[in-house]
Amino acid sequence: MAGIIKANINLNNIPKEKIYKGKKGNYLTLAITVNDEPDQFGNQGPVIVDQTKEEREAKADKTYLGNVKVVWTNGTFPEPNFGDTPVTQQKPKVEAEDLPF
């Protein structure tokens, strides 16, 4: 494994027409960008709703959902800025999450 990424998304921004039915449930395809350097808030990239080829060609506005942070890496992923603590010694925080749908 190269890394663990933590993401926060705003569920209110999910366009309902982009949710599709699959064999095991309802799905939404996302696109996540991981930048080499974190921004001023420590985020390393955005989470957006994936666009179709036609939407990309038409330069349609992207639906921004939130941000990602790299919280662990084995050294082959962009390094998060944790100060003097080596990234490989960081342990991911496991949290139980309840989804509203």
C-alpha atoms as a PDB file:
ATOM      1  CA  MET A   1       0.000   0.000   0.000  1.00  0.00           C
ATOM      2  CA  ALA A   2       1.330   3.418  -0.897  1.00  0.00           C
ATOM      3  CA  GLY A   3      -0.836   5.563   1.333  1.00  0.00           C
ATOM      4  CA  ILE A   4      -4.032   6.314   3.174  1.00  0.00           C
ATOM      5  CA  ILE A   5      -6.116   9.323   2.204  1.00  0.00           C
ATOM      6  CA  LYS A   6      -8.752  10.925   4.418  1.00  0.00           C
ATOM      7  CA  ALA A   7     -11.566  12.794   2.662  1.00  0.00           C
ATOM      8  CA  ASN A   8     -14.350  15.066   3.829  1.00  0.00           C
ATOM      9  CA  ILE A   9     -17.232  15.680   1.458  1.00  0.00           C
ATOM     10  CA  ASN A  10     -20.372  17.770   1.614  1.00  0.00           C
ATOM     11  CA  LEU A  11     -23.238  15.336   1.003  1.00  0.00           C
ATOM     12  CA  ASN A  12     -25.580  18.248   0.232  1.00  0.00           C
ATOM     13  CA  ASN A  13     -23.584  18.999  -2.942  1.00  0.00           C
ATOM     14  CA  ILE A  14     -24.073  15.544  -4.490  1.00  0.00           C
ATOM     15  CA  PRO A  15     -26.182  15.908  -7.637  1.00  0.00           C
ATOM     16  CA  LYS A  16     -28.897  13.250  -7.408  1.00  0.00           C
ATOM     17  CA  GLU A  17     -28.835  12.703 -11.191  1.00  0.00           C
ATOM     18  CA  LYS A  18     -25.213  11.485 -10.922  1.00  0.00           C
ATOM     19  CA  ILE A  19     -26.120   8.648  -8.532  1.00  0.00           C
ATOM     20  CA  TYR A  20     -26.566   5.393 -10.419  1.00  0.00           C
ATOM     21  CA  LYS A  21     -27.849   1.939  -9.518  1.00  0.00           C
ATOM     22  CA  GLY A  22     -25.333  -0.901  -9.483  1.00  0.00           C
ATOM     23  CA  LYS A  23     -25.581  -4.580  -8.652  1.00  0.00           C
ATOM     24  CA  LYS A  24     -24.918  -4.041  -4.946  1.00  0.00           C
ATOM     25  CA  GLY A  25     -26.339  -0.575  -4.317  1.00  0.00           C
ATOM     26  CA  ASN A  26     -26.298   3.042  -5.398  1.00  0.00           C
ATOM     27  CA  TYR A  27     -23.027   4.601  -6.546  1.00  0.00           C
ATOM     28  CA  LEU A  28     -21.442   7.956  -7.307  1.00  0.00           C
ATOM     29  CA  THR A  29     -18.192   8.171  -9.259  1.00  0.00           C
ATOM     30  CA  LEU A  30     -15.731  10.650  -7.769  1.00  0.00           C
ATOM     31  CA  ALA A  31     -12.477  12.128  -9.013  1.00  0.00           C
ATOM     32  CA  ILE A  32      -9.775  12.809  -6.427  1.00  0.00           C
ATOM     33  CA  THR A  33      -6.659  14.844  -7.113  1.00  0.00           C
ATOM     34  CA  VAL A  34      -3.619  14.474  -4.842  1.00  0.00           C
ATOM     35  CA  ASN A  35      -1.218  17.396  -5.175  1.00  0.00           C
ATOM     36  CA  ASP A  36       2.475  17.255  -4.300  1.00  0.00           C
ATOM     37  CA  GLU A  37       2.180  20.072  -1.760  1.00  0.00           C
ATOM     38  CA  PRO A  38      -0.593  20.782   0.770  1.00  0.00           C
ATOM     39  CA  ASP A  39      -2.518  24.052   0.603  1.00  0.00           C
ATOM     40  CA  GLN A  40      -2.684  26.634   3.404  1.00  0.00           C
ATOM     41  CA  PHE A  41      -5.174  24.410   5.294  1.00  0.00           C
ATOM     42  CA  GLY A  42      -3.138  21.198   4.963  1.00  0.00           C
ATOM     43  CA  ASN A  43      -5.392  19.773   2.253  1.00  0.00           C
ATOM     44  CA  GLN A  44      -3.658  17.985  -0.587  1.00  0.00           C
ATOM     45  CA  GLY A  45      -6.397  18.067  -3.191  1.00  0.00           C
ATOM     46  CA  PRO A  46     -10.067  18.301  -4.070  1.00  0.00           C
ATOM     47  CA  VAL A  47     -12.823  15.703  -4.352  1.00  0.00           C
ATOM     48  CA  ILE A  48     -15.188  16.341  -7.268  1.00  0.00           C
ATOM     49  CA  VAL A  49     -18.007  14.468  -8.965  1.00  0.00           C
ATOM     50  CA  ASP A  50     -16.494  12.722 -11.974  1.00  0.00           C
ATOM     51  CA  GLN A  51     -17.387  14.338 -15.296  1.00  0.00           C
ATOM     52  CA  THR A  52     -18.330  12.617 -18.524  1.00  0.00           C
ATOM     53  CA  LYS A  53     -16.174  13.110 -21.603  1.00  0.00           C
ATOM     54  CA  GLU A  54     -18.837  15.449 -22.998  1.00  0.00           C
ATOM     55  CA  GLU A  55     -18.856  17.538 -19.807  1.00  0.00           C
ATOM     56  CA  ARG A  56     -15.068  17.838 -19.870  1.00  0.00           C
ATOM     57  CA  GLU A  57     -15.046  18.803 -23.564  1.00  0.00           C
ATOM     58  CA  ALA A  58     -17.774  21.400 -22.947  1.00  0.00           C
ATOM     59  CA  LYS A  59     -15.709  22.755 -20.021  1.00  0.00           C
ATOM     60  CA  ALA A  60     -18.716  22.309 -17.708  1.00  0.00           C
ATOM     61  CA  ASP A  61     -18.329  23.520 -14.133  1.00  0.00           C
ATOM     62  CA  LYS A  62     -17.045  20.869 -11.735  1.00  0.00           C
ATOM     63  CA  THR A  63     -19.113  19.820  -8.727  1.00  0.00           C
ATOM     64  CA  TYR A  64     -16.752  20.308  -5.794  1.00  0.00           C
ATOM     65  CA  LEU A  65     -17.531  18.064  -2.806  1.00  0.00           C
ATOM     66  CA  GLY A  66     -14.606  18.502  -0.436  1.00  0.00           C
ATOM     67  CA  ASN A  67     -10.907  17.937   0.245  1.00  0.00           C
ATOM     68  CA  VAL A  68      -8.434  15.140   0.846  1.00  0.00           C
ATOM     69  CA  LYS A  69      -5.412  14.795   3.126  1.00  0.00           C
ATOM     70  CA  VAL A  70      -2.768  12.102   2.991  1.00  0.00           C
ATOM     71  CA  VAL A  71      -2.653  10.737   6.555  1.00  0.00           C
ATOM     72  CA  TRP A  72      -0.158   7.878   6.037  1.00  0.00           C
ATOM     73  CA  THR A  73       2.350   6.931   3.382  1.00  0.00           C
ATOM     74  CA  ASN A  74       5.081   4.348   2.918  1.00  0.00           C
ATOM     75  CA  GLY A  75       7.166   6.941   1.111  1.00  0.00           C
ATOM     76  CA  THR A  76       5.837   6.473  -2.406  1.00  0.00           C
ATOM     77  CA  PHE A  77       2.933   8.859  -1.952  1.00  0.00           C
ATOM     78  CA  PRO A  78       3.101  12.673  -1.643  1.00  0.00           C
ATOM     79  CA  GLU A  79       4.308  13.399   1.867  1.00  0.00           C
ATOM     80  CA  PRO A  80       1.855  15.184   4.188  1.00  0.00           C
ATOM     81  CA  ASN A  81       3.267  17.995   6.291  1.00  0.00           C
ATOM     82  CA  PHE A  82       3.338  16.671   9.866  1.00  0.00           C
ATOM     83  CA  GLY A  83       6.323  18.705  11.011  1.00  0.00           C
ATOM     84  CA  ASP A  84       9.169  16.689  12.544  1.00  0.00           C
ATOM     85  CA  THR A  85       7.207  13.421  12.922  1.00  0.00           C
ATOM     86  CA  PRO A  86       8.050  10.858  10.203  1.00  0.00           C
ATOM     87  CA  VAL A  87       4.972  10.058   8.144  1.00  0.00           C
ATOM     88  CA  THR A  88       5.512   6.297   8.226  1.00  0.00           C
ATOM     89  CA  GLN A  89       5.038   6.358  12.011  1.00  0.00           C
ATOM     90  CA  GLN A  90       1.598   7.975  11.786  1.00  0.00           C
ATOM     91  CA  LYS A  91      -1.256   5.580  12.530  1.00  0.00           C
ATOM     92  CA  PRO A  92      -4.607   6.218  10.855  1.00  0.00           C
ATOM     93  CA  LYS A  93      -7.427   7.175  13.180  1.00  0.00           C
ATOM     94  CA  VAL A  94     -10.326   4.751  12.821  1.00  0.00           C
ATOM     95  CA  GLU A  95     -13.725   6.298  13.316  1.00  0.00           C
ATOM     96  CA  ALA A  96     -17.210   4.846  13.040  1.00  0.00           C
ATOM     97  CA  GLU A  97     -19.200   6.892  10.582  1.00  0.00           C
ATOM     98  CA  ASP A  98     -22.930   7.021  10.074  1.00  0.00           C
ATOM     99  CA  LEU A  99     -24.119   8.041   6.638  1.00  0.00           C
ATOM    100  CA  PRO A 100     -27.428   9.881   6.378  1.00  0.00           C
ATOM    101  CA  PHE A 101     -28.592   7.685   3.489  1.00  0.00           C
END
